[in-house]
C-alpha atoms as a PDB file:
ATOM      1  CA  UNK A   1      -0.043  -0.174   0.103  1.00  0.00           C
ATOM      2  CA  UNK A   2       2.923   2.555   0.949  1.00  0.00           C
ATOM      3  CA  UNK A   3       4.837   1.636  -2.261  1.00  0.00           C
ATOM      4  CA  UNK A   4       1.655   2.235  -4.277  1.00  0.00           C
ATOM      5  CA  UNK A   5       0.994   5.839  -2.495  1.00  0.00           C
ATOM      6  CA  UNK A   6       4.607   6.783  -3.254  1.00  0.00           C
ATOM      7  CA  UNK A   7       4.424   5.709  -6.849  1.00  0.00           C
ATOM      8  CA  UNK A   8       1.274   7.736  -7.250  1.00  0.00           C
ATOM      9  CA  UNK A   9       2.895  10.753  -5.582  1.00  0.00           C
ATOM     10  CA  UNK A  10       5.578  10.511  -8.204  1.00  0.00           C
ATOM     11  CA  UNK A  11       3.190  10.240 -11.072  1.00  0.00           C
ATOM     12  CA  UNK A  12       4.113  12.878 -13.686  1.00  0.00           C
ATOM     13  CA  UNK A  13       1.346  15.406 -14.508  1.00  0.00           C
ATOM     14  CA  UNK A  14      -0.750  14.539 -17.368  1.00  0.00           C
ATOM     15  CA  UNK A  15      -1.669  17.441 -19.824  1.00  0.00           C
ATOM     16  CA  UNK A  16      -4.272  17.334 -22.563  1.00  0.00           C
ATOM     17  CA  UNK A  17      -3.604  19.533 -25.602  1.00  0.00           C
ATOM     18  CA  UNK A  18      -6.688  20.418 -27.645  1.00  0.00           C
ATOM     19  CA  UNK A  19      -5.956  22.187 -31.004  1.00  0.00           C
ATOM     20  CA  UNK A  20      -7.123  21.536 -34.400  1.00  0.00           C
ATOM     21  CA  UNK A  21      -3.686  22.319 -35.918  1.00  0.00           C
ATOM     22  CA  UNK A  22      -1.507  19.282 -36.042  1.00  0.00           C
ATOM     23  CA  UNK A  23       1.776  21.390 -36.075  1.00  0.00           C
ATOM     24  CA  UNK A  24       0.673  22.985 -32.803  1.00  0.00           C
ATOM     25  CA  UNK A  25      -0.195  19.705 -31.320  1.00  0.00           C
ATOM     26  CA  UNK A  26       3.293  18.480 -32.259  1.00  0.00           C
ATOM     27  CA  UNK A  27       5.053  21.438 -30.951  1.00  0.00           C
ATOM     28  CA  UNK A  28       3.280  21.266 -27.736  1.00  0.00           C
ATOM     29  CA  UNK A  29       3.776  17.543 -27.311  1.00  0.00           C
ATOM     30  CA  UNK A  30       7.663  17.853 -27.688  1.00  0.00           C
ATOM     31  CA  UNK A  31       7.825  20.903 -25.607  1.00  0.00           C
ATOM     32  CA  UNK A  32       5.793  19.486 -22.677  1.00  0.00           C
ATOM     33  CA  UNK A  33       7.133  15.918 -22.909  1.00  0.00           C
ATOM     34  CA  UNK A  34      10.618  17.391 -22.648  1.00  0.00           C
ATOM     35  CA  UNK A  35       9.780  18.853 -19.368  1.00  0.00           C
ATOM     36  CA  UNK A  36       8.589  15.571 -17.960  1.00  0.00           C
ATOM     37  CA  UNK A  37       4.888  15.876 -18.525  1.00  0.00           C
ATOM     38  CA  UNK A  38       2.731  13.173 -19.817  1.00  0.00           C
ATOM     39  CA  UNK A  39       0.899  14.532 -22.881  1.00  0.00           C
ATOM     40  CA  UNK A  40      -1.900  13.534 -25.048  1.00  0.00           C
ATOM     41  CA  UNK A  41      -3.413  15.587 -28.010  1.00  0.00           C
ATOM     42  CA  UNK A  42      -6.805  15.845 -29.560  1.00  0.00           C
ATOM     43  CA  UNK A  43      -8.135  17.996 -32.421  1.00  0.00           C
ATOM     44  CA  UNK A  44     -11.810  18.713 -31.421  1.00  0.00           C
ATOM     45  CA  UNK A  45     -13.855  19.650 -28.409  1.00  0.00           C
ATOM     46  CA  UNK A  46     -16.164  16.646 -28.164  1.00  0.00           C
ATOM     47  CA  UNK A  47     -13.023  14.342 -28.222  1.00  0.00           C
ATOM     48  CA  UNK A  48     -11.507  16.481 -25.381  1.00  0.00           C
ATOM     49  CA  UNK A  49     -14.614  16.228 -23.110  1.00  0.00           C
ATOM     50  CA  UNK A  50     -14.644  12.378 -23.864  1.00  0.00           C
ATOM     51  CA  UNK A  51     -11.176  11.992 -22.849  1.00  0.00           C
ATOM     52  CA  UNK A  52     -11.364  14.342 -19.732  1.00  0.00           C
ATOM     53  CA  UNK A  53     -14.475  12.384 -18.543  1.00  0.00           C
ATOM     54  CA  UNK A  54     -12.886   9.031 -18.973  1.00  0.00           C
ATOM     55  CA  UNK A  55      -9.162   9.635 -18.053  1.00  0.00           C
ATOM     56  CA  UNK A  56      -7.277  11.432 -15.306  1.00  0.00           C
ATOM     57  CA  UNK A  57      -5.464  14.819 -16.439  1.00  0.00           C
ATOM     58  CA  UNK A  58      -3.994  17.533 -14.409  1.00  0.00           C
ATOM     59  CA  UNK A  59      -4.236  20.456 -16.811  1.00  0.00           C
ATOM     60  CA  UNK A  60      -5.790  21.361 -20.328  1.00  0.00           C
ATOM     61  CA  UNK A  61      -4.298  23.559 -23.025  1.00  0.00           C
ATOM     62  CA  UNK A  62      -7.291  24.486 -25.099  1.00  0.00           C
ATOM     63  CA  UNK A  63      -7.680  26.404 -28.450  1.00  0.00           C
ATOM     64  CA  UNK A  64     -10.822  28.365 -28.909  1.00  0.00           C
ATOM     65  CA  UNK A  65     -11.110  27.847 -32.816  1.00  0.00           C
ATOM     66  CA  UNK A  66     -12.076  24.131 -32.832  1.00  0.00           C
ATOM     67  CA  UNK A  67     -13.936  22.537 -35.719  1.00  0.00           C
ATOM     68  CA  UNK A  68     -16.970  21.085 -33.951  1.00  0.00           C
ATOM     69  CA  UNK A  69     -17.654  23.694 -31.260  1.00  0.00           C
ATOM     70  CA  UNK A  70     -16.070  26.843 -29.913  1.00  0.00           C
ATOM     71  CA  UNK A  71     -13.490  26.447 -27.254  1.00  0.00           C
ATOM     72  CA  UNK A  72     -15.557  28.656 -24.779  1.00  0.00           C
ATOM     73  CA  UNK A  73     -18.352  26.168 -24.954  1.00  0.00           C
ATOM     74  CA  UNK A  74     -16.078  23.293 -24.261  1.00  0.00           C
ATOM     75  CA  UNK A  75     -14.687  25.141 -21.259  1.00  0.00           C
ATOM     76  CA  UNK A  76     -18.107  25.992 -19.859  1.00  0.00           C
ATOM     77  CA  UNK A  77     -19.136  22.506 -20.206  1.00  0.00           C
ATOM     78  CA  UNK A  78     -16.052  21.155 -18.601  1.00  0.00           C
ATOM     79  CA  UNK A  79     -16.689  23.515 -15.685  1.00  0.00           C
ATOM     80  CA  UNK A  80     -20.094  21.922 -14.969  1.00  0.00           C
ATOM     81  CA  UNK A  81     -18.266  18.987 -13.545  1.00  0.00           C
ATOM     82  CA  UNK A  82     -14.443  19.558 -13.210  1.00  0.00           C
ATOM     83  CA  UNK A  83     -12.048  22.184 -11.738  1.00  0.00           C
ATOM     84  CA  UNK A  84      -8.982  21.079 -13.609  1.00  0.00           C
ATOM     85  CA  UNK A  85      -6.978  23.937 -14.813  1.00  0.00           C
ATOM     86  CA  UNK A  86      -7.499  25.287 -18.312  1.00  0.00           C
ATOM     87  CA  UNK A  87      -5.126  27.433 -20.245  1.00  0.00           C
ATOM     88  CA  UNK A  88      -6.518  28.912 -23.284  1.00  0.00           C
ATOM     89  CA  UNK A  89      -4.166  29.332 -26.348  1.00  0.00           C
ATOM     90  CA  UNK A  90      -5.736  31.381 -29.065  1.00  0.00           C
ATOM     91  CA  UNK A  91      -4.975  33.619 -32.067  1.00  0.00           C
ATOM     92  CA  UNK A  92      -7.847  35.757 -30.632  1.00  0.00           C
ATOM     93  CA  UNK A  93      -6.121  38.697 -28.884  1.00  0.00           C
ATOM     94  CA  UNK A  94      -8.670  41.247 -27.855  1.00  0.00           C
ATOM     95  CA  UNK A  95      -9.502  42.199 -24.255  1.00  0.00           C
ATOM     96  CA  UNK A  96     -13.171  41.014 -24.822  1.00  0.00           C
ATOM     97  CA  UNK A  97     -12.003  37.616 -25.907  1.00  0.00           C
ATOM     98  CA  UNK A  98      -9.665  37.154 -22.946  1.00  0.00           C
ATOM     99  CA  UNK A  99     -12.565  38.292 -20.626  1.00  0.00           C
ATOM    100  CA  UNK A 100     -14.986  35.742 -22.123  1.00  0.00           C
ATOM    101  CA  UNK A 101     -12.489  33.027 -21.835  1.00  0.00           C
ATOM    102  CA  UNK A 102     -11.804  33.633 -18.377  1.00  0.00           C
ATOM    103  CA  UNK A 103     -15.420  34.247 -17.364  1.00  0.00           C
ATOM    104  CA  UNK A 104     -16.090  30.800 -19.127  1.00  0.00           C
ATOM    105  CA  UNK A 105     -14.008  29.099 -16.539  1.00  0.00           C
ATOM    106  CA  UNK A 106     -10.545  29.334 -17.989  1.00  0.00           C
ATOM    107  CA  UNK A 107      -7.683  29.906 -15.799  1.00  0.00           C
ATOM    108  CA  UNK A 108      -5.303  31.496 -17.962  1.00  0.00           C
ATOM    109  CA  UNK A 109      -5.024  32.890 -21.352  1.00  0.00           C
ATOM    110  CA  UNK A 110      -1.907  32.814 -23.910  1.00  0.00           C
ATOM    111  CA  UNK A 111      -2.120  34.385 -27.217  1.00  0.00           C
ATOM    112  CA  UNK A 112      -0.644  32.926 -30.361  1.00  0.00           C
ATOM    113  CA  UNK A 113       2.142  32.933 -31.553  1.00  0.00           C
ATOM    114  CA  UNK A 114       3.368  32.277 -28.004  1.00  0.00           C
ATOM    115  CA  UNK A 115       6.951  31.798 -26.563  1.00  0.00           C
ATOM    116  CA  UNK A 116       7.559  28.326 -25.392  1.00  0.00           C
ATOM    117  CA  UNK A 117       9.030  29.411 -22.160  1.00  0.00           C
ATOM    118  CA  UNK A 118       6.304  31.695 -21.192  1.00  0.00           C
ATOM    119  CA  UNK A 119       3.724  28.825 -21.967  1.00  0.00           C
ATOM    120  CA  UNK A 120       5.777  26.334 -19.611  1.00  0.00           C
ATOM    121  CA  UNK A 121       5.834  28.847 -16.990  1.00  0.00           C
ATOM    122  CA  UNK A 122       2.125  29.232 -16.938  1.00  0.00           C
ATOM    123  CA  UNK A 123       1.851  25.494 -16.913  1.00  0.00           C
ATOM    124  CA  UNK A 124       4.011  25.339 -13.838  1.00  0.00           C
ATOM    125  CA  UNK A 125       2.154  28.094 -12.064  1.00  0.00           C
ATOM    126  CA  UNK A 126      -1.345  26.471 -12.723  1.00  0.00           C
ATOM    127  CA  UNK A 127      -0.052  23.062 -11.562  1.00  0.00           C
ATOM    128  CA  UNK A 128       1.428  24.711  -8.378  1.00  0.00           C
ATOM    129  CA  UNK A 129      -1.787  26.317  -7.661  1.00  0.00           C
ATOM    130  CA  UNK A 130      -3.739  23.100  -7.813  1.00  0.00           C
ATOM    131  CA  UNK A 131      -1.130  21.226  -5.728  1.00  0.00           C
ATOM    132  CA  UNK A 132      -1.261  23.836  -2.856  1.00  0.00           C
ATOM    133  CA  UNK A 133      -5.112  24.298  -2.764  1.00  0.00           C
ATOM    134  CA  UNK A 134      -5.595  21.502   0.084  1.00  0.00           C
ATOM    135  CA  UNK A 135      -2.561  22.552   1.963  1.00  0.00           C
ATOM    136  CA  UNK A 136      -2.657  24.765   5.143  1.00  0.00           C
ATOM    137  CA  UNK A 137      -4.275  28.081   4.445  1.00  0.00           C
ATOM    138  CA  UNK A 138      -0.818  30.002   4.742  1.00  0.00           C
ATOM    139  CA  UNK A 139       0.703  31.540   1.845  1.00  0.00           C
ATOM    140  CA  UNK A 140       4.163  33.050   1.236  1.00  0.00           C
ATOM    141  CA  UNK A 141       4.508  35.854  -1.087  1.00  0.00           C
ATOM    142  CA  UNK A 142       7.992  37.360  -1.222  1.00  0.00           C
ATOM    143  CA  UNK A 143       8.672  38.454   2.390  1.00  0.00           C
ATOM    144  CA  UNK A 144       4.802  38.557   3.075  1.00  0.00           C
ATOM    145  CA  UNK A 145       3.025  35.830   4.980  1.00  0.00           C
ATOM    146  CA  UNK A 146      -0.780  35.598   4.439  1.00  0.00           C
ATOM    147  CA  UNK A 147      -2.527  33.595   7.059  1.00  0.00           C
ATOM    148  CA  UNK A 148      -6.156  32.956   5.758  1.00  0.00           C
ATOM    149  CA  UNK A 149      -7.427  31.171   8.980  1.00  0.00           C
ATOM    150  CA  UNK A 150      -6.451  34.039  11.112  1.00  0.00           C
ATOM    151  CA  UNK A 151      -6.891  36.840   8.585  1.00  0.00           C
ATOM    152  CA  UNK A 152      -3.615  38.321   8.973  1.00  0.00           C
ATOM    153  CA  UNK A 153      -0.803  39.577   6.773  1.00  0.00           C
ATOM    154  CA  UNK A 154       2.712  39.648   8.210  1.00  0.00           C
ATOM    155  CA  UNK A 155       5.889  41.231   6.736  1.00  0.00           C
ATOM    156  CA  UNK A 156       8.879  40.175   9.138  1.00  0.00           C
ATOM    157  CA  UNK A 157       7.547  40.698  12.478  1.00  0.00           C
ATOM    158  CA  UNK A 158       5.178  43.412  11.629  1.00  0.00           C
ATOM    159  CA  UNK A 159       1.520  43.004  10.652  1.00  0.00           C
ATOM    160  CA  UNK A 160       0.127  44.892   7.709  1.00  0.00           C
ATOM    161  CA  UNK A 161      -3.168  46.547   8.362  1.00  0.00           C
ATOM    162  CA  UNK A 162      -5.794  46.221   5.486  1.00  0.00           C
ATOM    163  CA  UNK A 163      -9.228  47.322   5.526  1.00  0.00           C
ATOM    164  CA  UNK A 164     -11.816  44.631   5.053  1.00  0.00           C
ATOM    165  CA  UNK A 165     -12.391  45.039   1.480  1.00  0.00           C
ATOM    166  CA  UNK A 166      -8.506  45.303   0.880  1.00  0.00           C
ATOM    167  CA  UNK A 167      -8.133  41.907   2.788  1.00  0.00           C
ATOM    168  CA  UNK A 168     -11.123  40.211   0.921  1.00  0.00           C
ATOM    169  CA  UNK A 169      -9.449  41.101  -2.443  1.00  0.00           C
ATOM    170  CA  UNK A 170      -6.013  39.864  -1.304  1.00  0.00           C
ATOM    171  CA  UNK A 171      -7.848  36.601   0.022  1.00  0.00           C
ATOM    172  CA  UNK A 172      -9.395  35.858  -3.392  1.00  0.00           C
ATOM    173  CA  UNK A 173      -6.094  36.616  -5.321  1.00  0.00           C
ATOM    174  CA  UNK A 174      -4.271  34.047  -2.736  1.00  0.00           C
ATOM    175  CA  UNK A 175      -6.902  31.526  -3.364  1.00  0.00           C
ATOM    176  CA  UNK A 176      -6.447  31.720  -7.114  1.00  0.00           C
ATOM    177  CA  UNK A 177      -2.740  32.377  -7.113  1.00  0.00           C
ATOM    178  CA  UNK A 178      -1.156  32.471 -10.412  1.00  0.00           C
ATOM    179  CA  UNK A 179      -4.550  32.692 -12.064  1.00  0.00           C
ATOM    180  CA  UNK A 180      -5.870  35.837 -13.989  1.00  0.00           C
ATOM    181  CA  UNK A 181      -9.098  36.903 -12.588  1.00  0.00           C
ATOM    182  CA  UNK A 182     -11.277  39.408 -14.306  1.00  0.00           C
ATOM    183  CA  UNK A 183     -12.694  42.492 -12.818  1.00  0.00           C
ATOM    184  CA  UNK A 184     -15.912  40.990 -12.453  1.00  0.00           C
ATOM    185  CA  UNK A 185     -14.666  37.602 -10.952  1.00  0.00           C
ATOM    186  CA  UNK A 186     -12.694  39.565  -8.364  1.00  0.00           C
ATOM    187  CA  UNK A 187     -15.341  41.876  -7.383  1.00  0.00           C
ATOM    188  CA  UNK A 188     -18.033  39.034  -7.178  1.00  0.00           C
ATOM    189  CA  UNK A 189     -15.951  36.810  -4.905  1.00  0.00           C
ATOM    190  CA  UNK A 190     -14.639  39.692  -2.739  1.00  0.00           C
ATOM    191  CA  UNK A 191     -17.763  41.898  -2.385  1.00  0.00           C
ATOM    192  CA  UNK A 192     -20.641  39.873  -3.796  1.00  0.00           C
ATOM    193  CA  UNK A 193     -22.611  40.058  -7.109  1.00  0.00           C
ATOM    194  CA  UNK A 194     -23.990  43.459  -6.357  1.00  0.00           C
ATOM    195  CA  UNK A 195     -20.658  44.900  -6.822  1.00  0.00           C
ATOM    196  CA  UNK A 196     -19.294  42.967  -9.839  1.00  0.00           C
ATOM    197  CA  UNK A 197     -19.782  45.960 -12.333  1.00  0.00           C
ATOM    198  CA  UNK A 198     -18.079  48.517  -9.898  1.00  0.00           C
ATOM    199  CA  UNK A 199     -14.597  48.530 -11.733  1.00  0.00           C
ATOM    200  CA  UNK A 200     -13.707  52.106 -10.753  1.00  0.00           C
ATOM    201  CA  UNK A 201     -14.076  51.235  -6.823  1.00  0.00           C
ATOM    202  CA  UNK A 202     -11.816  47.975  -7.594  1.00  0.00           C
ATOM    203  CA  UNK A 203      -9.152  50.215  -9.109  1.00  0.00           C
ATOM    204  CA  UNK A 204      -9.027  52.546  -6.105  1.00  0.00           C
ATOM    205  CA  UNK A 205      -8.712  49.515  -3.642  1.00  0.00           C
ATOM    206  CA  UNK A 206      -6.180  47.879  -5.706  1.00  0.00           C
ATOM    207  CA  UNK A 207      -3.960  50.938  -5.533  1.00  0.00           C
ATOM    208  CA  UNK A 208      -4.026  50.976  -1.862  1.00  0.00           C
ATOM    209  CA  UNK A 209      -3.667  47.210  -1.446  1.00  0.00           C
ATOM    210  CA  UNK A 210      -0.533  47.391  -3.659  1.00  0.00           C
ATOM    211  CA  UNK A 211       0.960  50.300  -1.835  1.00  0.00           C
ATOM    212  CA  UNK A 212       0.611  48.373   1.580  1.00  0.00           C
ATOM    213  CA  UNK A 213       1.980  45.221   0.098  1.00  0.00           C
ATOM    214  CA  UNK A 214       4.858  46.650  -1.749  1.00  0.00           C
ATOM    215  CA  UNK A 215       8.274  46.496   0.012  1.00  0.00           C
ATOM    216  CA  UNK A 216       9.474  49.425  -2.285  1.00  0.00           C
ATOM    217  CA  UNK A 217       7.112  52.294  -2.729  1.00  0.00           C
ATOM    218  CA  UNK A 218       5.256  52.871  -5.970  1.00  0.00           C
ATOM    219  CA  UNK A 219       5.779  49.163  -7.141  1.00  0.00           C
ATOM    220  CA  UNK A 220       3.148  46.688  -8.099  1.00  0.00           C
ATOM    221  CA  UNK A 221       3.094  45.010  -4.627  1.00  0.00           C
ATOM    222  CA  UNK A 222       2.987  41.329  -5.959  1.00  0.00           C
ATOM    223  CA  UNK A 223      -0.082  41.926  -8.095  1.00  0.00           C
ATOM    224  CA  UNK A 224       0.206  41.994 -11.860  1.00  0.00           C
ATOM    225  CA  UNK A 225      -2.291  43.866 -13.905  1.00  0.00           C
ATOM    226  CA  UNK A 226      -3.551  42.096 -17.164  1.00  0.00           C
ATOM    227  CA  UNK A 227      -4.514  45.327 -19.200  1.00  0.00           C
ATOM    228  CA  UNK A 228      -8.316  45.506 -19.692  1.00  0.00           C
ATOM    229  CA  UNK A 229      -8.969  42.087 -18.313  1.00  0.00           C
ATOM    230  CA  UNK A 230      -8.037  41.840 -14.544  1.00  0.00           C
ATOM    231  CA  UNK A 231      -5.373  41.057 -11.984  1.00  0.00           C
ATOM    232  CA  UNK A 232      -3.193  38.185 -10.993  1.00  0.00           C
ATOM    233  CA  UNK A 233      -1.221  37.291  -8.008  1.00  0.00           C
ATOM    234  CA  UNK A 234       2.550  36.856  -8.761  1.00  0.00           C
ATOM    235  CA  UNK A 235       4.219  33.541  -7.553  1.00  0.00           C
END
């Protein structure tokens, strides 16, 4: 029994690549396999859902322009029964496209043509996020320690005092660390559905939160801005 558990803990993450272009599937398969991941590829949405419902995978790379149905629909259907990380890879580069993908349940968005190093970094970040979701609710962000159980933020021996709204925004970012959250998602989870359209208020709170978290004044405070889309807590 112990040997089986150890073997399972060492199981290499499996990634499903969903793209209708054979050359992209080959490129990603080689790049991911070279990093030690198990990789399978499919060229259509229904085939992807069939595989995901019958085999264990740890992450999905999903193109939006599939031959049988749009990738947004595939992502939305997948989210009805699975929380597996989904990184969209698409030639669509407009802000509206990114927001729609994230609102459909995607965890991240990479625009084609993409750099392999950037994509691999996004894969690692999303796999790390999933692997830590069941651990103790204490997150380390640079010199900061965020204790979700005690609702405290500490730098060294000093507590950083946040307003209730600032803390809730940070809490949501920590829970989705490494994932891009749209303005609407962040407001909905931190303040509730009634506030999800109040983007100007969000920007005010984010400026204040960054200033409090930053070690050096006038820096991003470990929170990256995805222009026109939302925010992401840096690893």
